[in-house]
PDB file of N, CA and C in Angstrom:
ATOM      1  N   MET A   1       0.835  -1.171   0.000  1.00  0.00           N
ATOM      2  CA  MET A   1       0.000   0.000   0.000  1.00  0.00           C
ATOM      3  C   MET A   1       0.885   1.241   0.000  1.00  0.00           C
ATOM      4  N   ASN A   2       0.566   2.171  -0.846  1.00  0.00           N
ATOM      5  CA  ASN A   2       1.305   3.405  -1.008  1.00  0.00           C
ATOM      6  C   ASN A   2       0.678   4.496  -0.138  1.00  0.00           C
ATOM      7  N   GLN A   3       1.457   5.070   0.801  1.00  0.00           N
ATOM      8  CA  GLN A   3       0.922   6.093   1.695  1.00  0.00           C
ATOM      9  C   GLN A   3       1.237   7.483   1.123  1.00  0.00           C
ATOM     10  N   ARG A   4       0.212   8.335   1.046  1.00  0.00           N
ATOM     11  CA  ARG A   4       0.393   9.706   0.574  1.00  0.00           C
ATOM     12  C   ARG A   4      -0.048  10.652   1.681  1.00  0.00           C
ATOM     13  N   GLY A   5       0.682  11.739   1.866  1.00  0.00           N
ATOM     14  CA  GLY A   5       0.314  12.726   2.866  1.00  0.00           C
ATOM     15  C   GLY A   5       0.734  12.331   4.268  1.00  0.00           C
ATOM     16  N   PHE A   6       0.115  12.994   5.265  1.00  0.00           N
ATOM     17  CA  PHE A   6       0.453  12.790   6.669  1.00  0.00           C
ATOM     18  C   PHE A   6      -0.721  12.152   7.392  1.00  0.00           C
ATOM     19  N   THR A   7      -0.416  11.448   8.463  1.00  0.00           N
ATOM     20  CA  THR A   7      -1.481  10.892   9.292  1.00  0.00           C
ATOM     21  C   THR A   7      -1.995  11.987  10.227  1.00  0.00           C
ATOM     22  N   LEU A   8      -3.151  11.762  10.808  1.00  0.00           N
ATOM     23  CA  LEU A   8      -3.745  12.737  11.721  1.00  0.00           C
ATOM     24  C   LEU A   8      -2.836  12.961  12.929  1.00  0.00           C
ATOM     25  N   LEU A   9      -2.214  11.910  13.424  1.00  0.00           N
ATOM     26  CA  LEU A   9      -1.321  12.029  14.576  1.00  0.00           C
ATOM     27  C   LEU A   9      -0.116  12.913  14.245  1.00  0.00           C
ATOM     28  N   GLU A  10       0.451  12.770  13.082  1.00  0.00           N
ATOM     29  CA  GLU A  10       1.592  13.595  12.677  1.00  0.00           C
ATOM     30  C   GLU A  10       1.195  15.069  12.567  1.00  0.00           C
ATOM     31  N   VAL A  11       0.020  15.311  12.038  1.00  0.00           N
ATOM     32  CA  VAL A  11      -0.463  16.689  11.908  1.00  0.00           C
ATOM     33  C   VAL A  11      -0.682  17.304  13.291  1.00  0.00           C
ATOM     34  N   LEU A  12      -1.270  16.554  14.227  1.00  0.00           N
ATOM     35  CA  LEU A  12      -1.513  17.055  15.568  1.00  0.00           C
ATOM     36  C   LEU A  12      -0.208  17.350  16.306  1.00  0.00           C
ATOM     37  N   VAL A  13       0.762  16.484  16.158  1.00  0.00           N
ATOM     38  CA  VAL A  13       2.065  16.713  16.798  1.00  0.00           C
ATOM     39  C   VAL A  13       2.727  17.959  16.217  1.00  0.00           C
ATOM     40  N   ALA A  14       2.663  18.138  14.904  1.00  0.00           N
ATOM     41  CA  ALA A  14       3.253  19.319  14.267  1.00  0.00           C
ATOM     42  C   ALA A  14       2.548  20.590  14.740  1.00  0.00           C
ATOM     43  N   LEU A  15       1.221  20.560  14.856  1.00  0.00           N
ATOM     44  CA  LEU A  15       0.470  21.722  15.332  1.00  0.00           C
ATOM     45  C   LEU A  15       0.801  22.048  16.788  1.00  0.00           C
ATOM     46  N   ALA A  16       0.979  21.021  17.608  1.00  0.00           N
ATOM     47  CA  ALA A  16       1.334  21.245  19.014  1.00  0.00           C
ATOM     48  C   ALA A  16       2.705  21.913  19.114  1.00  0.00           C
ATOM     49  N   ILE A  17       3.649  21.463  18.319  1.00  0.00           N
ATOM     50  CA  ILE A  17       4.986  22.060  18.331  1.00  0.00           C
ATOM     51  C   ILE A  17       4.922  23.522  17.898  1.00  0.00           C
ATOM     52  N   VAL A  18       4.179  23.804  16.841  1.00  0.00           N
ATOM     53  CA  VAL A  18       4.042  25.175  16.361  1.00  0.00           C
ATOM     54  C   VAL A  18       3.357  26.043  17.413  1.00  0.00           C
ATOM     55  N   ALA A  19       2.354  25.504  18.103  1.00  0.00           N
ATOM     56  CA  ALA A  19       1.653  26.266  19.139  1.00  0.00           C
ATOM     57  C   ALA A  19       2.588  26.618  20.288  1.00  0.00           C
ATOM     58  N   PHE A  20       3.389  25.657  20.749  1.00  0.00           N
ATOM     59  CA  PHE A  20       4.344  25.936  21.825  1.00  0.00           C
ATOM     60  C   PHE A  20       5.365  26.988  21.405  1.00  0.00           C
ATOM     61  N   MET A  21       5.824  26.912  20.184  1.00  0.00           N
ATOM     62  CA  MET A  21       6.781  27.902  19.698  1.00  0.00           C
ATOM     63  C   MET A  21       6.134  29.287  19.618  1.00  0.00           C
ATOM     64  N   ALA A  22       4.884  29.360  19.179  1.00  0.00           N
ATOM     65  CA  ALA A  22       4.187  30.644  19.066  1.00  0.00           C
ATOM     66  C   ALA A  22       3.991  31.280  20.440  1.00  0.00           C
ATOM     67  N   VAL A  23       3.654  30.470  21.434  1.00  0.00           N
ATOM     68  CA  VAL A  23       3.492  30.996  22.793  1.00  0.00           C
ATOM     69  C   VAL A  23       4.823  31.536  23.310  1.00  0.00           C
ATOM     70  N   GLY A  24       5.889  30.811  23.102  1.00  0.00           N
ATOM     71  CA  GLY A  24       7.212  31.269  23.544  1.00  0.00           C
ATOM     72  C   GLY A  24       7.629  32.564  22.875  1.00  0.00           C
ATOM     73  N   VAL A  25       7.419  32.653  21.575  1.00  0.00           N
ATOM     74  CA  VAL A  25       7.787  33.862  20.841  1.00  0.00           C
ATOM     75  C   VAL A  25       6.940  35.047  21.300  1.00  0.00           C
ATOM     76  N   SER A  26       5.656  34.831  21.523  1.00  0.00           N
ATOM     77  CA  SER A  26       4.801  35.944  21.967  1.00  0.00           C
ATOM     78  C   SER A  26       5.201  36.434  23.357  1.00  0.00           C
ATOM     79  N   GLN A  27       5.631  35.549  24.233  1.00  0.00           N
ATOM     80  CA  GLN A  27       6.088  35.971  25.558  1.00  0.00           C
ATOM     81  C   GLN A  27       7.368  36.797  25.457  1.00  0.00           C
ATOM     82  N   VAL A  28       8.271  36.392  24.609  1.00  0.00           N
ATOM     83  CA  VAL A  28       9.520  37.144  24.427  1.00  0.00           C
ATOM     84  C   VAL A  28       9.223  38.530  23.863  1.00  0.00           C
ATOM     85  N   ILE A  29       8.332  38.598  22.887  1.00  0.00           N
ATOM     86  CA  ILE A  29       7.975  39.889  22.298  1.00  0.00           C
ATOM     87  C   ILE A  29       7.309  40.780  23.343  1.00  0.00           C
ATOM     88  N   GLY A  30       6.425  40.213  24.156  1.00  0.00           N
ATOM     89  CA  GLY A  30       5.772  40.985  25.218  1.00  0.00           C
ATOM     90  C   GLY A  30       6.765  41.539  26.216  1.00  0.00           C
ATOM     91  N   GLN A  31       7.756  40.733  26.597  1.00  0.00           N
ATOM     92  CA  GLN A  31       8.773  41.199  27.527  1.00  0.00           C
ATOM     93  C   GLN A  31       9.599  42.331  26.913  1.00  0.00           C
ATOM     94  N   ARG A  32       9.935  42.194  25.646  1.00  0.00           N
ATOM     95  CA  ARG A  32      10.716  43.240  24.964  1.00  0.00           C
ATOM     96  C   ARG A  32       9.938  44.553  24.917  1.00  0.00           C
ATOM     97  N   LEU A  33       8.629  44.475  24.658  1.00  0.00           N
ATOM     98  CA  LEU A  33       7.809  45.679  24.624  1.00  0.00           C
ATOM     99  C   LEU A  33       7.715  46.331  26.004  1.00  0.00           C
ATOM    100  N   ASP A  34       7.606  45.514  27.049  1.00  0.00           N
ATOM    101  CA  ASP A  34       7.581  46.052  28.414  1.00  0.00           C
ATOM    102  C   ASP A  34       8.885  46.762  28.749  1.00  0.00           C
ATOM    103  N   ILE A  35       9.994  46.145  28.384  1.00  0.00           N
ATOM    104  CA  ILE A  35      11.302  46.744  28.647  1.00  0.00           C
ATOM    105  C   ILE A  35      11.456  48.054  27.887  1.00  0.00           C
ATOM    106  N   ALA A  36      10.997  48.088  26.640  1.00  0.00           N
ATOM    107  CA  ALA A  36      11.085  49.323  25.847  1.00  0.00           C
ATOM    108  C   ALA A  36      10.229  50.422  26.463  1.00  0.00           C
ATOM    109  N   GLY A  37       9.057  50.073  26.976  1.00  0.00           N
ATOM    110  CA  GLY A  37       8.192  51.064  27.618  1.00  0.00           C
ATOM    111  C   GLY A  37       8.811  51.649  28.871  1.00  0.00           C
ATOM    112  N   VAL A  38       9.427  50.800  29.668  1.00  0.00           N
ATOM    113  CA  VAL A  38      10.085  51.267  30.893  1.00  0.00           C
ATOM    114  C   VAL A  38      11.268  52.168  30.541  1.00  0.00           C
ATOM    115  N   ALA A  39      12.035  51.787  29.539  1.00  0.00           N
ATOM    116  CA  ALA A  39      13.187  52.596  29.130  1.00  0.00           C
ATOM    117  C   ALA A  39      12.736  53.954  28.599  1.00  0.00           C
ATOM    118  N   GLN A  40      11.656  53.978  27.853  1.00  0.00           N
ATOM    119  CA  GLN A  40      11.144  55.238  27.322  1.00  0.00           C
ATOM    120  C   GLN A  40      10.651  56.143  28.451  1.00  0.00           C
ATOM    121  N   ALA A  41       9.956  55.582  29.426  1.00  0.00           N
ATOM    122  CA  ALA A  41       9.477  56.373  30.561  1.00  0.00           C
ATOM    123  C   ALA A  41      10.650  56.919  31.369  1.00  0.00           C
ATOM    124  N   ARG A  42      11.679  56.117  31.561  1.00  0.00           N
ATOM    125  CA  ARG A  42      12.863  56.564  32.306  1.00  0.00           C
ATOM    126  C   ARG A  42      13.580  57.687  31.567  1.00  0.00           C
ATOM    127  N   GLU A  43      13.663  57.568  30.253  1.00  0.00           N
ATOM    128  CA  GLU A  43      14.319  58.613  29.469  1.00  0.00           C
ATOM    129  C   GLU A  43      13.528  59.920  29.539  1.00  0.00           C
ATOM    130  N   ARG A  44      12.202  59.818  29.459  1.00  0.00           N
ATOM    131  CA  ARG A  44      11.367  61.019  29.569  1.00  0.00           C
ATOM    132  C   ARG A  44      11.539  61.665  30.944  1.00  0.00           C
ATOM    133  N   ALA A  45      11.606  60.852  31.987  1.00  0.00           N
ATOM    134  CA  ALA A  45      11.790  61.383  33.340  1.00  0.00           C
ATOM    135  C   ALA A  45      13.129  62.111  33.461  1.00  0.00           C
ATOM    136  N   GLN A  46      14.173  61.546  32.903  1.00  0.00           N
ATOM    137  CA  GLN A  46      15.483  62.197  32.963  1.00  0.00           C
ATOM    138  C   GLN A  46      15.487  63.517  32.203  1.00  0.00           C
ATOM    139  N   LEU A  47      14.812  63.541  31.046  1.00  0.00           N
ATOM    140  CA  LEU A  47      14.730  64.787  30.283  1.00  0.00           C
ATOM    141  C   LEU A  47      13.960  65.852  31.058  1.00  0.00           C
ATOM    142  N   CYS A  48      12.874  65.462  31.695  1.00  0.00           N
ATOM    143  CA  CYS A  48      12.094  66.407  32.506  1.00  0.00           C
ATOM    144  C   CYS A  48      12.926  66.923  33.680  1.00  0.00           C
ATOM    145  N   ALA A  49      13.632  66.034  34.347  1.00  0.00           N
ATOM    146  CA  ALA A  49      14.459  66.450  35.488  1.00  0.00           C
ATOM    147  C   ALA A  49      15.550  67.413  35.047  1.00  0.00           C
ATOM    148  N   ARG A  50      16.170  67.153  33.910  1.00  0.00           N
ATOM    149  CA  ARG A  50      17.212  68.061  33.413  1.00  0.00           C
ATOM    150  C   ARG A  50      16.634  69.421  33.040  1.00  0.00           C
ATOM    151  N   GLU A  51      15.453  69.408  32.416  1.00  0.00           N
ATOM    152  CA  GLU A  51      14.837  70.686  32.064  1.00  0.00           C
ATOM    153  C   GLU A  51      14.460  71.468  33.318  1.00  0.00           C
ATOM    154  N   LEU A  52      13.935  70.786  34.321  1.00  0.00           N
ATOM    155  CA  LEU A  52      13.609  71.465  35.576  1.00  0.00           C
ATOM    156  C   LEU A  52      14.853  72.061  36.220  1.00  0.00           C
ATOM    157  N   GLN A  53      15.936  71.315  36.210  1.00  0.00           N
ATOM    158  CA  GLN A  53      17.175  71.814  36.789  1.00  0.00           C
ATOM    159  C   GLN A  53      17.630  73.077  36.054  1.00  0.00           C
ATOM    160  N   ALA A  54      17.558  73.046  34.737  1.00  0.00           N
ATOM    161  CA  ALA A  54      17.958  74.224  33.959  1.00  0.00           C
ATOM    162  C   ALA A  54      17.048  75.412  34.246  1.00  0.00           C
ATOM    163  N   ARG A  55      15.751  75.146  34.342  1.00  0.00           N
ATOM    164  CA  ARG A  55      14.817  76.245  34.637  1.00  0.00           C
ATOM    165  C   ARG A  55      15.069  76.831  36.023  1.00  0.00           C
ATOM    166  N   TRP A  56      15.325  75.969  37.021  1.00  0.00           N
ATOM    167  CA  TRP A  56      15.602  76.469  38.369  1.00  0.00           C
ATOM    168  C   TRP A  56      16.860  77.320  38.382  1.00  0.00           C
ATOM    169  N   GLN A  57      17.886  76.909  37.641  1.00  0.00           N
ATOM    170  CA  GLN A  57      19.139  77.657  37.626  1.00  0.00           C
ATOM    171  C   GLN A  57      18.996  78.978  36.880  1.00  0.00           C
ATOM    172  N   VAL A  58      18.252  78.967  35.771  1.00  0.00           N
ATOM    173  CA  VAL A  58      18.137  80.166  34.949  1.00  0.00           C
ATOM    174  C   VAL A  58      17.042  81.097  35.449  1.00  0.00           C
ATOM    175  N   GLU A  59      15.862  80.531  35.694  1.00  0.00           N
ATOM    176  CA  GLU A  59      14.705  81.356  36.037  1.00  0.00           C
ATOM    177  C   GLU A  59      14.478  81.481  37.540  1.00  0.00           C
ATOM    178  N   GLY A  60      15.086  80.613  38.321  1.00  0.00           N
ATOM    179  CA  GLY A  60      14.895  80.644  39.750  1.00  0.00           C
ATOM    180  C   GLY A  60      13.462  80.313  40.156  1.00  0.00           C
ATOM    181  N   LEU A  61      12.912  79.259  39.616  1.00  0.00           N
ATOM    182  CA  LEU A  61      11.535  78.880  39.933  1.00  0.00           C
ATOM    183  C   LEU A  61      11.361  78.620  41.423  1.00  0.00           C
ATOM    184  N   THR A  62      10.224  79.035  41.947  1.00  0.00           N
ATOM    185  CA  THR A  62       9.944  78.831  43.368  1.00  0.00           C
ATOM    186  C   THR A  62       8.728  77.942  43.602  1.00  0.00           C
ATOM    187  N   ALA A  63       8.106  77.453  42.551  1.00  0.00           N
ATOM    188  CA  ALA A  63       6.917  76.612  42.698  1.00  0.00           C
ATOM    189  C   ALA A  63       7.287  75.257  43.289  1.00  0.00           C
ATOM    190  N   SER A  64       6.314  74.630  43.928  1.00  0.00           N
ATOM    191  CA  SER A  64       6.574  73.314  44.519  1.00  0.00           C
ATOM    192  C   SER A  64       6.002  72.185  43.679  1.00  0.00           C
ATOM    193  N   GLN A  65       5.275  72.534  42.623  1.00  0.00           N
ATOM    194  CA  GLN A  65       4.790  71.514  41.694  1.00  0.00           C
ATOM    195  C   GLN A  65       4.409  72.174  40.382  1.00  0.00           C
ATOM    196  N   GLY A  66       4.298  71.354  39.336  1.00  0.00           N
ATOM    197  CA  GLY A  66       3.941  71.896  38.025  1.00  0.00           C
ATOM    198  C   GLY A  66       3.952  70.799  36.983  1.00  0.00           C
ATOM    199  N   GLU A  67       3.941  71.217  35.726  1.00  0.00           N
ATOM    200  CA  GLU A  67       3.982  70.257  34.626  1.00  0.00           C
ATOM    201  C   GLU A  67       4.884  70.773  33.524  1.00  0.00           C
ATOM    202  N   LEU A  68       5.431  69.846  32.766  1.00  0.00           N
ATOM    203  CA  LEU A  68       6.313  70.155  31.644  1.00  0.00           C
ATOM    204  C   LEU A  68       5.839  69.383  30.430  1.00  0.00           C
ATOM    205  N   SER A  69       6.139  69.914  29.263  1.00  0.00           N
ATOM    206  CA  SER A  69       5.894  69.172  28.030  1.00  0.00           C
ATOM    207  C   SER A  69       7.251  68.752  27.492  1.00  0.00           C
ATOM    208  N   GLN A  70       7.427  67.469  27.309  1.00  0.00           N
ATOM    209  CA  GLN A  70       8.718  66.933  26.885  1.00  0.00           C
ATOM    210  C   GLN A  70       8.486  65.904  25.785  1.00  0.00           C
ATOM    211  N   GLY A  71       8.909  66.208  24.573  1.00  0.00           N
ATOM    212  CA  GLY A  71       8.766  65.266  23.478  1.00  0.00           C
ATOM    213  C   GLY A  71       7.319  64.993  23.107  1.00  0.00           C
ATOM    214  N   GLY A  72       6.470  65.989  23.224  1.00  0.00           N
ATOM    215  CA  GLY A  72       5.068  65.813  22.892  1.00  0.00           C
ATOM    216  C   GLY A  72       4.240  65.174  23.993  1.00  0.00           C
ATOM    217  N   GLU A  73       4.862  64.805  25.090  1.00  0.00           N
ATOM    218  CA  GLU A  73       4.148  64.219  26.223  1.00  0.00           C
ATOM    219  C   GLU A  73       4.376  65.084  27.448  1.00  0.00           C
ATOM    220  N   ARG A  74       3.460  65.017  28.366  1.00  0.00           N
ATOM    221  CA  ARG A  74       3.562  65.809  29.582  1.00  0.00           C
ATOM    222  C   ARG A  74       4.145  64.981  30.726  1.00  0.00           C
ATOM    223  N   CYS A  75       4.901  65.657  31.562  1.00  0.00           N
ATOM    224  CA  CYS A  75       5.316  65.046  32.815  1.00  0.00           C
ATOM    225  C   CYS A  75       5.008  66.047  33.927  1.00  0.00           C
ATOM    226  N   TYR A  76       4.577  65.527  35.035  1.00  0.00           N
ATOM    227  CA  TYR A  76       4.140  66.339  36.173  1.00  0.00           C
ATOM    228  C   TYR A  76       5.144  66.145  37.304  1.00  0.00           C
ATOM    229  N   TRP A  77       5.484  67.224  37.995  1.00  0.00           N
ATOM    230  CA  TRP A  77       6.510  67.155  39.030  1.00  0.00           C
ATOM    231  C   TRP A  77       5.998  67.767  40.319  1.00  0.00           C
ATOM    232  N   ARG A  78       6.646  67.345  41.398  1.00  0.00           N
ATOM    233  CA  ARG A  78       6.312  67.871  42.720  1.00  0.00           C
ATOM    234  C   ARG A  78       7.543  67.733  43.606  1.00  0.00           C
ATOM    235  N   LEU A  79       7.806  68.766  44.390  1.00  0.00           N
ATOM    236  CA  LEU A  79       8.881  68.709  45.385  1.00  0.00           C
ATOM    237  C   LEU A  79       8.288  68.159  46.669  1.00  0.00           C
ATOM    238  N   GLU A  80       8.952  67.156  47.227  1.00  0.00           N
ATOM    239  CA  GLU A  80       8.472  66.524  48.450  1.00  0.00           C
ATOM    240  C   GLU A  80       9.566  66.582  49.494  1.00  0.00           C
ATOM    241  N   GLY A  81       9.191  66.854  50.743  1.00  0.00           N
ATOM    242  CA  GLY A  81      10.166  66.889  51.832  1.00  0.00           C
ATOM    243  C   GLY A  81      10.687  65.497  52.119  1.00  0.00           C
ATOM    244  N   ALA A  82      11.996  65.377  52.255  1.00  0.00           N
ATOM    245  CA  ALA A  82      12.605  64.071  52.504  1.00  0.00           C
ATOM    246  C   ALA A  82      12.845  63.834  53.983  1.00  0.00           C
ATOM    247  N   GLY A  83      13.098  64.888  54.739  1.00  0.00           N
ATOM    248  CA  GLY A  83      13.357  64.745  56.165  1.00  0.00           C
ATOM    249  C   GLY A  83      14.630  63.987  56.481  1.00  0.00           C
ATOM    250  N   GLY A  84      15.565  63.987  55.575  1.00  0.00           N
ATOM    251  CA  GLY A  84      16.811  63.274  55.775  1.00  0.00           C
ATOM    252  C   GLY A  84      17.794  64.082  56.604  1.00  0.00           C
ATOM    253  N   PRO A  85      19.002  63.548  56.846  1.00  0.00           N
ATOM    254  CA  PRO A  85      19.995  64.242  57.669  1.00  0.00           C
ATOM    255  C   PRO A  85      20.481  65.550  57.046  1.00  0.00           C
ATOM    256  N   LEU A  86      20.393  65.657  55.722  1.00  0.00           N
ATOM    257  CA  LEU A  86      20.840  66.886  55.067  1.00  0.00           C
ATOM    258  C   LEU A  86      19.692  67.876  54.902  1.00  0.00           C
ATOM    259  N   GLY A  87      18.492  67.505  55.362  1.00  0.00           N
ATOM    260  CA  GLY A  87      17.347  68.405  55.241  1.00  0.00           C
ATOM    261  C   GLY A  87      16.921  68.623  53.808  1.00  0.00           C
ATOM    262  N   GLY A  88      17.207  67.690  52.945  1.00  0.00           N
ATOM    263  CA  GLY A  88      16.912  67.841  51.528  1.00  0.00           C
ATOM    264  C   GLY A  88      15.476  67.505  51.167  1.00  0.00           C
ATOM    265  N   GLN A  89      15.202  67.696  49.918  1.00  0.00           N
ATOM    266  CA  GLN A  89      13.902  67.366  49.366  1.00  0.00           C
ATOM    267  C   GLN A  89      14.093  66.368  48.234  1.00  0.00           C
ATOM    268  N   ARG A  90      12.955  65.874  47.735  1.00  0.00           N
ATOM    269  CA  ARG A  90      12.991  64.968  46.596  1.00  0.00           C
ATOM    270  C   ARG A  90      12.150  65.566  45.481  1.00  0.00           C
ATOM    271  N   LEU A  91      12.655  65.475  44.272  1.00  0.00           N
ATOM    272  CA  LEU A  91      11.908  65.853  43.089  1.00  0.00           C
ATOM    273  C   LEU A  91      11.231  64.596  42.576  1.00  0.00           C
ATOM    274  N   ALA A  92       9.908  64.557  42.620  1.00  0.00           N
ATOM    275  CA  ALA A  92       9.142  63.396  42.152  1.00  0.00           C
ATOM    276  C   ALA A  92       8.504  63.741  40.812  1.00  0.00           C
ATOM    277  N   LEU A  93       8.663  62.857  39.836  1.00  0.00           N
ATOM    278  CA  LEU A  93       8.093  63.053  38.501  1.00  0.00           C
ATOM    279  C   LEU A  93       7.032  61.997  38.248  1.00  0.00           C
ATOM    280  N   TYR A  94       5.949  62.426  37.580  1.00  0.00           N
ATOM    281  CA  TYR A  94       4.813  61.541  37.315  1.00  0.00           C
ATOM    282  C   TYR A  94       4.383  61.653  35.855  1.00  0.00           C
ATOM    283  N   ALA A  95       3.749  60.610  35.362  1.00  0.00           N
ATOM    284  CA  ALA A  95       3.291  60.578  33.975  1.00  0.00           C
ATOM    285  C   ALA A  95       1.864  61.089  33.828  1.00  0.00           C
ATOM    286  N   ASP A  96       1.120  61.212  34.925  1.00  0.00           N
ATOM    287  CA  ASP A  96      -0.273  61.641  34.848  1.00  0.00           C
ATOM    288  C   ASP A  96      -0.550  62.763  35.844  1.00  0.00           C
ATOM    289  N   ALA A  97      -1.594  63.553  35.557  1.00  0.00           N
ATOM    290  CA  ALA A  97      -1.924  64.706  36.391  1.00  0.00           C
ATOM    291  C   ALA A  97      -2.386  64.297  37.786  1.00  0.00           C
ATOM    292  N   ALA A  98      -2.917  63.094  37.936  1.00  0.00           N
ATOM    293  CA  ALA A  98      -3.372  62.612  39.246  1.00  0.00           C
ATOM    294  C   ALA A  98      -2.201  62.145  40.109  1.00  0.00           C
ATOM    295  N   LEU A  99      -0.990  62.211  39.581  1.00  0.00           N
ATOM    296  CA  LEU A  99       0.245  61.802  40.267  1.00  0.00           C
ATOM    297  C   LEU A  99       0.174  60.340  40.705  1.00  0.00           C
ATOM    298  N   GLY A 100      -0.369  59.510  39.825  1.00  0.00           N
ATOM    299  CA  GLY A 100      -0.512  58.098  40.140  1.00  0.00           C
ATOM    300  C   GLY A 100       0.559  57.223  39.513  1.00  0.00           C
ATOM    301  N   ARG A 101       1.060  57.600  38.349  1.00  0.00           N
ATOM    302  CA  ARG A 101       2.078  56.797  37.658  1.00  0.00           C
ATOM    303  C   ARG A 101       3.434  57.476  37.803  1.00  0.00           C
ATOM    304  N   ALA A 102       4.212  57.005  38.752  1.00  0.00           N
ATOM    305  CA  ALA A 102       5.512  57.612  39.045  1.00  0.00           C
ATOM    306  C   ALA A 102       6.511  57.292  37.940  1.00  0.00           C
ATOM    307  N   LEU A 103       7.283  58.306  37.553  1.00  0.00           N
ATOM    308  CA  LEU A 103       8.369  58.119  36.590  1.00  0.00           C
ATOM    309  C   LEU A 103       9.719  58.014  37.285  1.00  0.00           C
ATOM    310  N   GLY A 104       9.815  58.542  38.489  1.00  0.00           N
ATOM    311  CA  GLY A 104      11.062  58.484  39.234  1.00  0.00           C
ATOM    312  C   GLY A 104      11.166  59.650  40.189  1.00  0.00           C
ATOM    313  N   ASP A 105      12.174  59.597  41.045  1.00  0.00           N
ATOM    314  CA  ASP A 105      12.427  60.711  41.948  1.00  0.00           C
ATOM    315  C   ASP A 105      13.918  60.853  42.180  1.00  0.00           C
ATOM    316  N   TRP A 106      14.312  62.089  42.481  1.00  0.00           N
ATOM    317  CA  TRP A 106      15.714  62.423  42.656  1.00  0.00           C
ATOM    318  C   TRP A 106      15.890  63.240  43.926  1.00  0.00           C
ATOM    319  N   PRO A 107      16.967  62.997  44.669  1.00  0.00           N
ATOM    320  CA  PRO A 107      17.205  63.788  45.889  1.00  0.00           C
ATOM    321  C   PRO A 107      17.715  65.177  45.544  1.00  0.00           C
ATOM    322  N   ILE A 108      17.316  66.134  46.358  1.00  0.00           N
ATOM    323  CA  ILE A 108      17.796  67.520  46.230  1.00  0.00           C
ATOM    324  C   ILE A 108      18.336  67.877  47.601  1.00  0.00           C
ATOM    325  N   HIS A 109      19.627  68.171  47.678  1.00  0.00           N
ATOM    326  CA  HIS A 109      20.273  68.415  48.957  1.00  0.00           C
ATOM    327  C   HIS A 109      20.151  69.864  49.381  1.00  0.00           C
ATOM    328  N   ALA A 110      20.245  70.107  50.679  1.00  0.00           N
ATOM    329  CA  ALA A 110      20.124  71.446  51.252  1.00  0.00           C
ATOM    330  C   ALA A 110      21.167  72.364  50.641  1.00  0.00           C
ATOM    331  N   GLY A 111      20.729  73.552  50.319  1.00  0.00           N
ATOM    332  CA  GLY A 111      21.645  74.555  49.773  1.00  0.00           C
ATOM    333  C   GLY A 111      21.878  74.429  48.300  1.00  0.00           C
ATOM    334  N   ALA A 112      21.382  73.406  47.682  1.00  0.00           N
ATOM    335  CA  ALA A 112      21.573  73.221  46.251  1.00  0.00           C
ATOM    336  C   ALA A 112      20.242  73.367  45.543  1.00  0.00           C
ATOM    337  N   GLN A 113      20.256  74.041  44.434  1.00  0.00           N
ATOM    338  CA  GLN A 113      19.037  74.154  43.658  1.00  0.00           C
ATOM    339  C   GLN A 113      18.843  72.848  42.893  1.00  0.00           C
ATOM    340  N   PRO A 114      17.584  72.446  42.702  1.00  0.00           N
ATOM    341  CA  PRO A 114      17.327  71.210  41.943  1.00  0.00           C
ATOM    342  C   PRO A 114      17.754  71.317  40.514  1.00  0.00           C
TER     343      PRO A 114
END
């Protein structure tokens, strides 16, 4: 007897292998996208912090909170008391106006402008 094509068992095994590979690849892609999102948020936070530092040095800002536009997106900032040994404050940056999605924070030491 001459056999042509594949048996049902062979097809099912091949489909199972392809399914496992697809799940693995999708997980790797998802992780890469998460990492890229975190890196982008961190970069935006650093740009906002640098712009704030420049504004404080040049304009002498006295506000304790505000918002900036950086790269077409907004970042919101607030100075928070740290209560540390140097009496410093922290510059907290957020991605939303409700200050719910933190982008990062940086220490500001006594006697130094942020």
